[in-house]
Amino acid sequence: MTDTTIVHCSDLHFGGHADLPQVEALERFVPSLEGDAIVVSGDLTQRARHGEFQRARVFVRHMQDAAPTLVVPGNHDIEWWKSPLGIRGESVKYEKYRQYFGDVRPVLQVPGAIIAGAVSAYGIAWGSLTWNVNDMAVKGHLPRSETARIKQVFATARPGQARVLVIHHNVLPGALSRRMGLARWRSAHKRLLDTGADVVVCGHDHQEGAGQVEGRLTVSTSGTHSARSRGGRPSVFNVVRIEREVVHVQHYRWDPATGCFAPSDRFSFARHFTPEPVVSTVDGMEA
C-alpha cells in the first residue's frame, strides 16, 4: 500500500469576501507541501458570478500545476434560483459551474487513493428543507442515488487503495456553530459508512475540524479563506495523510502578522481498512 497525502482547502468565496493575502499565500505555499492530490471542497465563489468563477479557475490552475486537483460545487457556486425544488430539472443549476470546472461529480485516481466527488449542494430542494427558515438554500443533503453511486466507484478501488469522498457540507457539527451541514444527517451518516469510504473531506461551516463518524469514518473539515471565518478565528486548511492503519489530519493556521500558514493542531485516527488478500502457494502454484 502507498501512503497518500491530500491537501484540503475550502470556502474561498471569491467575490466580496475573499481574503486575497491568504489566497496568494496558498498559491505560494501549497506546492511546497508536495501533496499527492489537492482537493477544494466547494464555495469557490460568493454569488456564482462569471468574474468570481474566473478568479477561482486561476486558483485551481495554480493547484493543478502542483498536483492533481479535484473540486466540487458548494451552495454558493450553484444558481439554484433557476430551478427551485427542481422544477426545471437539476442540471440547470450547475450550468455556469460546469463552464469553468466541468464535471460536478469528478473522480480522481492517484497511486494510493481513489478520490470521488459528490454533490451535496442543491439550493432549495426537497431533500434539504427543514423547519428552520434560515436553512433555506444553505443546508445540503445526500440523496440515496448519490451515496449508491459513490459506493459503486469505491468498489473499483484496488486492494489497499484509500477511498476518499469529497462533499461540500460539513458532516460533523461545527465546534462553535454546533450545526450540521446536512439535513437528515442521521440517515446520511449511515449511508456514508455504507459507501466504504475511509475519509470524508468537507467544508461549509467556516471552521476547521477533525473527527470520526461512529469511530470508523475519518472526517476532515477545512475552514474558510475569506473574511467570514467562524468566530473571527484564524483561517485553517488541512493536510490529510492516509497510512495503512492511521489517518492524520494536520491543520495549517493562518498568521496575519507574518502573512504565512503554519502547522498547528494534528489529529490521528485508526483506519478501518479492508486488508489485502493473502495468497498462499504450494510448489509455485496458488492455493
C-alpha atoms as a PDB file:
ATOM      1  CA  MET A   1       0.000   0.000   0.000  1.00  0.00           C
ATOM      2  CA  THR A   2       1.171   3.555  -0.813  1.00  0.00           C
ATOM      3  CA  ASP A   3       0.761   6.339   1.764  1.00  0.00           C
ATOM      4  CA  THR A   4      -1.207   9.263   0.352  1.00  0.00           C
ATOM      5  CA  THR A   5      -1.082  12.964   1.234  1.00  0.00           C
ATOM      6  CA  ILE A   6      -4.017  15.211   0.310  1.00  0.00           C
ATOM      7  CA  VAL A   7      -4.016  18.996   0.689  1.00  0.00           C
ATOM      8  CA  HIS A   8      -7.567  20.054   1.561  1.00  0.00           C
ATOM      9  CA  CYS A   9      -8.921  23.601   1.395  1.00  0.00           C
ATOM     10  CA  SER A  10     -12.424  25.001   1.062  1.00  0.00           C
ATOM     11  CA  ASP A  11     -14.691  28.044   1.004  1.00  0.00           C
ATOM     12  CA  LEU A  12     -12.535  30.634  -0.748  1.00  0.00           C
ATOM     13  CA  HIS A  13     -15.612  32.720  -1.636  1.00  0.00           C
ATOM     14  CA  PHE A  14     -14.049  34.698  -4.457  1.00  0.00           C
ATOM     15  CA  GLY A  15     -16.006  37.926  -4.648  1.00  0.00           C
ATOM     16  CA  GLY A  16     -16.633  40.414  -1.878  1.00  0.00           C
ATOM     17  CA  HIS A  17     -15.443  38.198   0.996  1.00  0.00           C
ATOM     18  CA  ALA A  18     -12.278  36.526  -0.326  1.00  0.00           C
ATOM     19  CA  ASP A  19      -9.125  37.164   1.717  1.00  0.00           C
ATOM     20  CA  LEU A  20      -6.655  37.723  -1.104  1.00  0.00           C
ATOM     21  CA  PRO A  21      -3.479  37.686   1.041  1.00  0.00           C
ATOM     22  CA  GLN A  22      -4.474  34.208   2.207  1.00  0.00           C
ATOM     23  CA  VAL A  23      -5.278  33.073  -1.310  1.00  0.00           C
ATOM     24  CA  GLU A  24      -1.948  34.301  -2.634  1.00  0.00           C
ATOM     25  CA  ALA A  25      -0.160  32.657   0.311  1.00  0.00           C
ATOM     26  CA  LEU A  26      -1.897  29.367  -0.535  1.00  0.00           C
ATOM     27  CA  GLU A  27      -0.805  29.662  -4.158  1.00  0.00           C
ATOM     28  CA  ARG A  28       2.813  30.033  -2.986  1.00  0.00           C
ATOM     29  CA  PHE A  29       2.778  27.547  -0.111  1.00  0.00           C
ATOM     30  CA  VAL A  30       0.705  24.580  -1.247  1.00  0.00           C
ATOM     31  CA  PRO A  31       3.203  23.433  -3.921  1.00  0.00           C
ATOM     32  CA  SER A  32       5.896  23.138  -1.232  1.00  0.00           C
ATOM     33  CA  LEU A  33       3.785  20.545   0.605  1.00  0.00           C
ATOM     34  CA  GLU A  34       4.255  18.074  -2.268  1.00  0.00           C
ATOM     35  CA  GLY A  35       0.824  16.502  -1.847  1.00  0.00           C
ATOM     36  CA  ASP A  36      -0.264  13.589  -3.991  1.00  0.00           C
ATOM     37  CA  ALA A  37      -3.556  15.401  -4.618  1.00  0.00           C
ATOM     38  CA  ILE A  38      -5.290  18.684  -3.821  1.00  0.00           C
ATOM     39  CA  VAL A  39      -8.978  18.946  -3.004  1.00  0.00           C
ATOM     40  CA  VAL A  40     -11.154  22.086  -2.880  1.00  0.00           C
ATOM     41  CA  SER A  41     -14.468  21.217  -1.235  1.00  0.00           C
ATOM     42  CA  GLY A  42     -16.752  23.889  -2.642  1.00  0.00           C
ATOM     43  CA  ASP A  43     -17.834  27.506  -2.292  1.00  0.00           C
ATOM     44  CA  LEU A  44     -15.161  28.810  -4.608  1.00  0.00           C
ATOM     45  CA  THR A  45     -17.426  31.815  -5.295  1.00  0.00           C
ATOM     46  CA  GLN A  46     -19.751  34.081  -3.335  1.00  0.00           C
ATOM     47  CA  ARG A  47     -22.545  34.685  -5.855  1.00  0.00           C
ATOM     48  CA  ALA A  48     -21.759  32.294  -8.732  1.00  0.00           C
ATOM     49  CA  ARG A  49     -20.820  35.232 -10.981  1.00  0.00           C
ATOM     50  CA  HIS A  50     -18.582  34.902 -14.010  1.00  0.00           C
ATOM     51  CA  GLY A  51     -15.841  37.136 -12.592  1.00  0.00           C
ATOM     52  CA  GLU A  52     -15.751  35.100  -9.384  1.00  0.00           C
ATOM     53  CA  PHE A  53     -15.558  31.835 -11.300  1.00  0.00           C
ATOM     54  CA  GLN A  54     -12.766  33.245 -13.469  1.00  0.00           C
ATOM     55  CA  ARG A  55     -10.593  34.068 -10.434  1.00  0.00           C
ATOM     56  CA  ALA A  56     -11.446  30.693  -8.880  1.00  0.00           C
ATOM     57  CA  ARG A  57     -10.351  28.976 -12.084  1.00  0.00           C
ATOM     58  CA  VAL A  58      -6.988  30.760 -11.885  1.00  0.00           C
ATOM     59  CA  PHE A  59      -6.583  29.483  -8.324  1.00  0.00           C
ATOM     60  CA  VAL A  60      -7.428  25.934  -9.355  1.00  0.00           C
ATOM     61  CA  ARG A  61      -4.947  26.176 -12.247  1.00  0.00           C
ATOM     62  CA  HIS A  62      -2.243  27.072  -9.707  1.00  0.00           C
ATOM     63  CA  MET A  63      -3.207  24.000  -7.685  1.00  0.00           C
ATOM     64  CA  GLN A  64      -3.173  21.767 -10.771  1.00  0.00           C
ATOM     65  CA  ASP A  65       0.383  22.882 -11.510  1.00  0.00           C
ATOM     66  CA  ALA A  66       1.359  21.473  -8.098  1.00  0.00           C
ATOM     67  CA  ALA A  67      -0.637  18.194  -8.055  1.00  0.00           C
ATOM     68  CA  PRO A  68      -3.756  16.520  -9.474  1.00  0.00           C
ATOM     69  CA  THR A  69      -6.688  18.597  -8.214  1.00  0.00           C
ATOM     70  CA  LEU A  70     -10.365  17.841  -7.623  1.00  0.00           C
ATOM     71  CA  VAL A  71     -13.095  20.409  -6.902  1.00  0.00           C
ATOM     72  CA  VAL A  72     -16.804  20.090  -6.104  1.00  0.00           C
ATOM     73  CA  PRO A  73     -19.516  22.777  -6.032  1.00  0.00           C
ATOM     74  CA  GLY A  74     -20.762  24.370  -2.839  1.00  0.00           C
ATOM     75  CA  ASN A  75     -24.089  26.034  -2.178  1.00  0.00           C
ATOM     76  CA  HIS A  76     -22.646  29.440  -3.217  1.00  0.00           C
ATOM     77  CA  ASP A  77     -21.469  28.026  -6.560  1.00  0.00           C
ATOM     78  CA  ILE A  78     -24.853  26.990  -7.942  1.00  0.00           C
ATOM     79  CA  GLU A  79     -27.664  29.012  -9.466  1.00  0.00           C
ATOM     80  CA  TRP A  80     -30.396  27.206  -7.548  1.00  0.00           C
ATOM     81  CA  TRP A  81     -32.899  30.024  -8.175  1.00  0.00           C
ATOM     82  CA  LYS A  82     -33.103  28.879 -11.805  1.00  0.00           C
ATOM     83  CA  SER A  83     -34.740  25.651 -10.632  1.00  0.00           C
ATOM     84  CA  PRO A  84     -36.060  25.818  -7.056  1.00  0.00           C
ATOM     85  CA  LEU A  85     -37.327  22.436  -5.879  1.00  0.00           C
ATOM     86  CA  GLY A  86     -36.038  21.071  -9.187  1.00  0.00           C
ATOM     87  CA  ILE A  87     -38.946  22.468 -11.208  1.00  0.00           C
ATOM     88  CA  ARG A  88     -36.707  22.835 -14.296  1.00  0.00           C
ATOM     89  CA  GLY A  89     -34.518  19.856 -13.518  1.00  0.00           C
ATOM     90  CA  GLU A  90     -31.237  19.698 -11.633  1.00  0.00           C
ATOM     91  CA  SER A  91     -28.693  20.296 -14.414  1.00  0.00           C
ATOM     92  CA  VAL A  92     -29.657  23.944 -14.992  1.00  0.00           C
ATOM     93  CA  LYS A  93     -28.359  24.839 -11.524  1.00  0.00           C
ATOM     94  CA  TYR A  94     -24.843  23.747 -12.415  1.00  0.00           C
ATOM     95  CA  GLU A  95     -24.508  25.063 -15.977  1.00  0.00           C
ATOM     96  CA  LYS A  96     -22.267  28.019 -15.080  1.00  0.00           C
ATOM     97  CA  TYR A  97     -20.128  25.941 -12.697  1.00  0.00           C
ATOM     98  CA  ARG A  98     -19.602  23.369 -15.462  1.00  0.00           C
ATOM     99  CA  GLN A  99     -18.354  26.079 -17.836  1.00  0.00           C
ATOM    100  CA  TYR A 100     -15.367  26.565 -15.554  1.00  0.00           C
ATOM    101  CA  PHE A 101     -14.801  23.239 -13.774  1.00  0.00           C
ATOM    102  CA  GLY A 102     -16.551  20.562 -15.799  1.00  0.00           C
ATOM    103  CA  ASP A 103     -17.966  17.530 -14.026  1.00  0.00           C
ATOM    104  CA  VAL A 104     -19.797  18.222 -10.769  1.00  0.00           C
ATOM    105  CA  ARG A 105     -19.130  14.606  -9.701  1.00  0.00           C
ATOM    106  CA  PRO A 106     -15.450  14.141 -10.573  1.00  0.00           C
ATOM    107  CA  VAL A 107     -13.336  11.089  -9.793  1.00  0.00           C
ATOM    108  CA  LEU A 108      -9.563  11.286  -9.407  1.00  0.00           C
ATOM    109  CA  GLN A 109      -7.138   8.370  -9.241  1.00  0.00           C
ATOM    110  CA  VAL A 110      -3.715   8.799  -7.643  1.00  0.00           C
ATOM    111  CA  PRO A 111      -1.318   5.954  -6.780  1.00  0.00           C
ATOM    112  CA  GLY A 112      -2.539   5.454  -3.204  1.00  0.00           C
ATOM    113  CA  ALA A 113      -6.143   6.615  -3.373  1.00  0.00           C
ATOM    114  CA  ILE A 114      -9.337   6.926  -5.333  1.00  0.00           C
ATOM    115  CA  ILE A 115     -10.968  10.318  -4.670  1.00  0.00           C
ATOM    116  CA  ALA A 116     -14.623  10.794  -5.576  1.00  0.00           C
ATOM    117  CA  GLY A 117     -16.647  13.997  -5.532  1.00  0.00           C
ATOM    118  CA  ALA A 118     -20.331  14.019  -4.590  1.00  0.00           C
ATOM    119  CA  VAL A 119     -22.912  16.792  -4.840  1.00  0.00           C
ATOM    120  CA  SER A 120     -24.431  17.929  -1.549  1.00  0.00           C
ATOM    121  CA  ALA A 121     -25.408  21.448  -2.742  1.00  0.00           C
ATOM    122  CA  TYR A 122     -28.862  21.666  -4.325  1.00  0.00           C
ATOM    123  CA  GLY A 123     -30.159  25.002  -3.017  1.00  0.00           C
ATOM    124  CA  ILE A 124     -33.857  24.913  -2.211  1.00  0.00           C
ATOM    125  CA  ALA A 125     -34.637  21.242  -2.771  1.00  0.00           C
ATOM    126  CA  TRP A 126     -36.985  18.754  -1.171  1.00  0.00           C
ATOM    127  CA  GLY A 127     -34.172  16.814   0.453  1.00  0.00           C
ATOM    128  CA  SER A 128     -32.629  19.846   2.153  1.00  0.00           C
ATOM    129  CA  LEU A 129     -35.769  21.511   3.513  1.00  0.00           C
ATOM    130  CA  THR A 130     -36.070  21.882   7.297  1.00  0.00           C
ATOM    131  CA  TRP A 131     -38.426  23.712   9.645  1.00  0.00           C
ATOM    132  CA  ASN A 132     -35.785  26.460  10.119  1.00  0.00           C
ATOM    133  CA  VAL A 133     -36.281  29.250   7.569  1.00  0.00           C
ATOM    134  CA  ASN A 134     -32.585  30.183   7.953  1.00  0.00           C
ATOM    135  CA  ASP A 135     -31.680  26.849   6.387  1.00  0.00           C
ATOM    136  CA  MET A 136     -33.234  27.820   3.049  1.00  0.00           C
ATOM    137  CA  ALA A 137     -30.716  27.256   0.231  1.00  0.00           C
ATOM    138  CA  VAL A 138     -27.990  26.706   2.856  1.00  0.00           C
ATOM    139  CA  LYS A 139     -28.447  23.149   4.105  1.00  0.00           C
ATOM    140  CA  GLY A 140     -27.240  20.308   1.941  1.00  0.00           C
ATOM    141  CA  HIS A 141     -28.314  16.737   1.533  1.00  0.00           C
ATOM    142  CA  LEU A 142     -27.032  13.467   0.104  1.00  0.00           C
ATOM    143  CA  PRO A 143     -29.616  11.616  -1.955  1.00  0.00           C
ATOM    144  CA  ARG A 144     -29.532   7.818  -1.837  1.00  0.00           C
ATOM    145  CA  SER A 145     -28.657   7.824  -5.516  1.00  0.00           C
ATOM    146  CA  GLU A 146     -25.519   9.832  -4.734  1.00  0.00           C
ATOM    147  CA  THR A 147     -24.213   7.542  -1.989  1.00  0.00           C
ATOM    148  CA  ALA A 148     -25.114   4.480  -4.103  1.00  0.00           C
ATOM    149  CA  ARG A 149     -23.049   5.913  -6.978  1.00  0.00           C
ATOM    150  CA  ILE A 150     -20.100   6.572  -4.650  1.00  0.00           C
ATOM    151  CA  LYS A 151     -20.305   3.003  -3.339  1.00  0.00           C
ATOM    152  CA  GLN A 152     -20.001   1.729  -6.912  1.00  0.00           C
ATOM    153  CA  VAL A 153     -16.993   3.986  -7.543  1.00  0.00           C
ATOM    154  CA  PHE A 154     -15.236   2.766  -4.407  1.00  0.00           C
ATOM    155  CA  ALA A 155     -15.974  -0.850  -5.312  1.00  0.00           C
ATOM    156  CA  THR A 156     -13.440  -0.414  -8.130  1.00  0.00           C
ATOM    157  CA  ALA A 157     -10.639   0.506  -5.708  1.00  0.00           C
ATOM    158  CA  ARG A 158      -7.594  -1.725  -5.738  1.00  0.00           C
ATOM    159  CA  PRO A 159      -6.709  -3.629  -2.530  1.00  0.00           C
ATOM    160  CA  GLY A 160      -5.145  -1.222  -0.042  1.00  0.00           C
ATOM    161  CA  GLN A 161      -6.134   1.853  -2.053  1.00  0.00           C
ATOM    162  CA  ALA A 162      -7.646   4.563   0.166  1.00  0.00           C
ATOM    163  CA  ARG A 163     -11.195   5.714  -0.646  1.00  0.00           C
ATOM    164  CA  VAL A 164     -11.750   9.435  -0.163  1.00  0.00           C
ATOM    165  CA  LEU A 165     -15.132  11.153  -0.538  1.00  0.00           C
ATOM    166  CA  VAL A 166     -15.342  14.908  -1.185  1.00  0.00           C
ATOM    167  CA  ILE A 167     -18.509  16.878  -0.434  1.00  0.00           C
ATOM    168  CA  HIS A 168     -19.165  20.492   0.439  1.00  0.00           C
ATOM    169  CA  HIS A 169     -21.399  20.391   3.522  1.00  0.00           C
ATOM    170  CA  ASN A 170     -19.911  19.554   6.910  1.00  0.00           C
ATOM    171  CA  VAL A 171     -20.614  16.003   8.029  1.00  0.00           C
ATOM    172  CA  LEU A 172     -19.938  16.632  11.739  1.00  0.00           C
ATOM    173  CA  PRO A 173     -21.313  19.511  13.844  1.00  0.00           C
ATOM    174  CA  GLY A 174     -19.196  22.659  13.915  1.00  0.00           C
ATOM    175  CA  ALA A 175     -17.255  23.221  17.136  1.00  0.00           C
ATOM    176  CA  LEU A 176     -18.733  26.712  17.582  1.00  0.00           C
ATOM    177  CA  SER A 177     -21.893  26.608  15.478  1.00  0.00           C
ATOM    178  CA  ARG A 178     -22.924  23.101  16.636  1.00  0.00           C
ATOM    179  CA  ARG A 179     -24.745  22.909  13.298  1.00  0.00           C
ATOM    180  CA  MET A 180     -24.802  20.008  10.893  1.00  0.00           C
ATOM    181  CA  GLY A 181     -24.348  20.943   7.260  1.00  0.00           C
ATOM    182  CA  LEU A 182     -26.555  18.117   6.018  1.00  0.00           C
ATOM    183  CA  ALA A 183     -30.280  17.834   6.507  1.00  0.00           C
ATOM    184  CA  ARG A 184     -31.363  14.334   7.625  1.00  0.00           C
ATOM    185  CA  TRP A 185     -27.824  13.780   8.796  1.00  0.00           C
ATOM    186  CA  ARG A 186     -28.502  10.561  10.729  1.00  0.00           C
ATOM    187  CA  SER A 187     -29.583   8.800   7.553  1.00  0.00           C
ATOM    188  CA  ALA A 188     -26.682  10.400   5.682  1.00  0.00           C
ATOM    189  CA  HIS A 189     -24.185   9.072   8.252  1.00  0.00           C
ATOM    190  CA  LYS A 190     -25.421   5.501   7.804  1.00  0.00           C
ATOM    191  CA  ARG A 191     -25.179   5.739   4.036  1.00  0.00           C
ATOM    192  CA  LEU A 192     -21.760   7.399   4.173  1.00  0.00           C
ATOM    193  CA  LEU A 193     -20.474   4.468   6.211  1.00  0.00           C
ATOM    194  CA  ASP A 194     -22.016   2.074   3.705  1.00  0.00           C
ATOM    195  CA  THR A 195     -20.081   3.635   0.801  1.00  0.00           C
ATOM    196  CA  GLY A 196     -16.876   2.096   2.131  1.00  0.00           C
ATOM    197  CA  ALA A 197     -15.125   5.461   2.368  1.00  0.00           C
ATOM    198  CA  ASP A 198     -12.022   5.735   4.555  1.00  0.00           C
ATOM    199  CA  VAL A 199     -12.081   9.540   4.691  1.00  0.00           C
ATOM    200  CA  VAL A 200     -14.597  12.319   4.011  1.00  0.00           C
ATOM    201  CA  VAL A 201     -13.314  15.839   3.318  1.00  0.00           C
ATOM    202  CA  CYS A 202     -15.743  18.757   3.531  1.00  0.00           C
ATOM    203  CA  GLY A 203     -16.126  22.444   4.437  1.00  0.00           C
ATOM    204  CA  HIS A 204     -19.109  24.811   4.650  1.00  0.00           C
ATOM    205  CA  ASP A 205     -19.034  25.594   8.394  1.00  0.00           C
ATOM    206  CA  HIS A 206     -16.137  28.072   8.061  1.00  0.00           C
ATOM    207  CA  GLN A 207     -14.295  26.446  10.954  1.00  0.00           C
ATOM    208  CA  GLU A 208     -11.766  23.649  10.820  1.00  0.00           C
ATOM    209  CA  GLY A 209     -12.392  20.271  12.379  1.00  0.00           C
ATOM    210  CA  ALA A 210     -11.278  16.659  12.526  1.00  0.00           C
ATOM    211  CA  GLY A 211     -13.232  13.710  13.845  1.00  0.00           C
ATOM    212  CA  GLN A 212     -14.940  10.443  13.011  1.00  0.00           C
ATOM    213  CA  VAL A 213     -18.416   9.138  12.265  1.00  0.00           C
ATOM    214  CA  GLU A 214     -19.151   6.309  14.703  1.00  0.00           C
ATOM    215  CA  GLY A 215     -15.442   5.805  15.305  1.00  0.00           C
ATOM    216  CA  ARG A 216     -14.996   4.400  11.808  1.00  0.00           C
ATOM    217  CA  LEU A 217     -15.012   7.116   9.156  1.00  0.00           C
ATOM    218  CA  THR A 218     -12.468   9.946   9.442  1.00  0.00           C
ATOM    219  CA  VAL A 219     -13.712  13.453   8.600  1.00  0.00           C
ATOM    220  CA  SER A 220     -11.515  16.411   7.629  1.00  0.00           C
ATOM    221  CA  THR A 221     -13.328  19.774   7.736  1.00  0.00           C
ATOM    222  CA  SER A 222     -11.456  22.721   6.271  1.00  0.00           C
ATOM    223  CA  GLY A 223     -12.038  26.326   7.296  1.00  0.00           C
ATOM    224  CA  THR A 224     -12.570  29.316   5.012  1.00  0.00           C
ATOM    225  CA  HIS A 225     -10.114  31.653   3.285  1.00  0.00           C
ATOM    226  CA  SER A 226     -12.496  34.566   3.429  1.00  0.00           C
ATOM    227  CA  ALA A 227     -13.422  37.335   5.836  1.00  0.00           C
ATOM    228  CA  ARG A 228     -16.223  35.159   7.232  1.00  0.00           C
ATOM    229  CA  SER A 229     -14.330  32.743   9.475  1.00  0.00           C
ATOM    230  CA  ARG A 230     -16.371  31.333  12.344  1.00  0.00           C
ATOM    231  CA  GLY A 231     -15.994  33.485  15.474  1.00  0.00           C
ATOM    232  CA  GLY A 232     -13.317  35.596  13.810  1.00  0.00           C
ATOM    233  CA  ARG A 233     -10.807  32.766  14.292  1.00  0.00           C
ATOM    234  CA  PRO A 234      -7.730  32.470  12.063  1.00  0.00           C
ATOM    235  CA  SER A 235      -8.425  30.514   8.890  1.00  0.00           C
ATOM    236  CA  VAL A 236      -7.221  26.941   8.513  1.00  0.00           C
ATOM    237  CA  PHE A 237      -6.660  24.430   5.737  1.00  0.00           C
ATOM    238  CA  ASN A 238      -5.816  20.761   6.299  1.00  0.00           C
ATOM    239  CA  VAL A 239      -3.303  18.216   5.122  1.00  0.00           C
ATOM    240  CA  VAL A 240      -4.648  14.660   5.296  1.00  0.00           C
ATOM    241  CA  ARG A 241      -2.119  11.820   5.331  1.00  0.00           C
ATOM    242  CA  ILE A 242      -3.536   8.344   4.881  1.00  0.00           C
ATOM    243  CA  GLU A 243      -1.319   5.490   6.010  1.00  0.00           C
ATOM    244  CA  ARG A 244      -2.027   1.769   6.175  1.00  0.00           C
ATOM    245  CA  GLU A 245      -3.555   1.833   9.662  1.00  0.00           C
ATOM    246  CA  VAL A 246      -3.811   5.547  10.546  1.00  0.00           C
ATOM    247  CA  VAL A 247      -5.269   8.745   9.078  1.00  0.00           C
ATOM    248  CA  HIS A 248      -3.636  12.010  10.185  1.00  0.00           C
ATOM    249  CA  VAL A 249      -5.341  15.409   9.835  1.00  0.00           C
ATOM    250  CA  GLN A 250      -2.892  18.293  10.194  1.00  0.00           C
ATOM    251  CA  HIS A 251      -4.240  21.853  10.496  1.00  0.00           C
ATOM    252  CA  TYR A 252      -2.307  24.743   8.940  1.00  0.00           C
ATOM    253  CA  ARG A 253      -3.345  28.019  10.556  1.00  0.00           C
ATOM    254  CA  TRP A 254      -3.126  31.491   9.022  1.00  0.00           C
ATOM    255  CA  ASP A 255      -0.996  34.068  10.828  1.00  0.00           C
ATOM    256  CA  PRO A 256      -1.916  37.547   9.522  1.00  0.00           C
ATOM    257  CA  ALA A 257       1.108  39.077  11.253  1.00  0.00           C
ATOM    258  CA  THR A 258       3.564  37.040   9.195  1.00  0.00           C
ATOM    259  CA  GLY A 259       1.330  36.515   6.168  1.00  0.00           C
ATOM    260  CA  CYS A 260       2.029  32.771   6.311  1.00  0.00           C
ATOM    261  CA  PHE A 261       0.373  29.479   7.182  1.00  0.00           C
ATOM    262  CA  ALA A 262       1.981  27.426   9.953  1.00  0.00           C
ATOM    263  CA  PRO A 263       1.253  23.885  11.221  1.00  0.00           C
ATOM    264  CA  SER A 264      -0.872  23.776  14.376  1.00  0.00           C
ATOM    265  CA  ASP A 265      -3.144  21.027  15.726  1.00  0.00           C
ATOM    266  CA  ARG A 266      -2.743  17.448  14.470  1.00  0.00           C
ATOM    267  CA  PHE A 267      -5.202  14.589  14.933  1.00  0.00           C
ATOM    268  CA  SER A 268      -4.706  10.888  14.245  1.00  0.00           C
ATOM    269  CA  PHE A 269      -7.413   8.256  13.800  1.00  0.00           C
ATOM    270  CA  ALA A 270      -7.340   4.499  13.356  1.00  0.00           C
ATOM    271  CA  ARG A 271      -8.107   3.476   9.812  1.00  0.00           C
ATOM    272  CA  HIS A 272     -10.579   0.621   9.366  1.00  0.00           C
ATOM    273  CA  PHE A 273      -9.266  -0.639   6.059  1.00  0.00           C
ATOM    274  CA  THR A 274     -10.045  -3.770   4.073  1.00  0.00           C
ATOM    275  CA  PRO A 275      -6.894  -5.926   4.269  1.00  0.00           C
ATOM    276  CA  GLU A 276      -5.221  -7.130   1.132  1.00  0.00           C
ATOM    277  CA  PRO A 277      -5.967 -10.782   0.327  1.00  0.00           C
ATOM    278  CA  VAL A 278      -3.400 -13.320   1.435  1.00  0.00           C
ATOM    279  CA  VAL A 279      -2.492 -15.900  -1.198  1.00  0.00           C
ATOM    280  CA  SER A 280      -0.547 -18.997  -0.181  1.00  0.00           C
ATOM    281  CA  THR A 281       1.473 -21.005  -2.672  1.00  0.00           C
ATOM    282  CA  VAL A 282       2.458 -24.639  -2.826  1.00  0.00           C
ATOM    283  CA  ASP A 283       5.267 -25.594  -5.197  1.00  0.00           C
ATOM    284  CA  GLY A 284       4.818 -22.314  -7.021  1.00  0.00           C
ATOM    285  CA  MET A 285       1.074 -22.757  -7.510  1.00  0.00           C
ATOM    286  CA  GLU A 286      -1.591 -20.619  -5.839  1.00  0.00           C
ATOM    287  CA  ALA A 287      -3.665 -22.483  -3.243  1.00  0.00           C
END
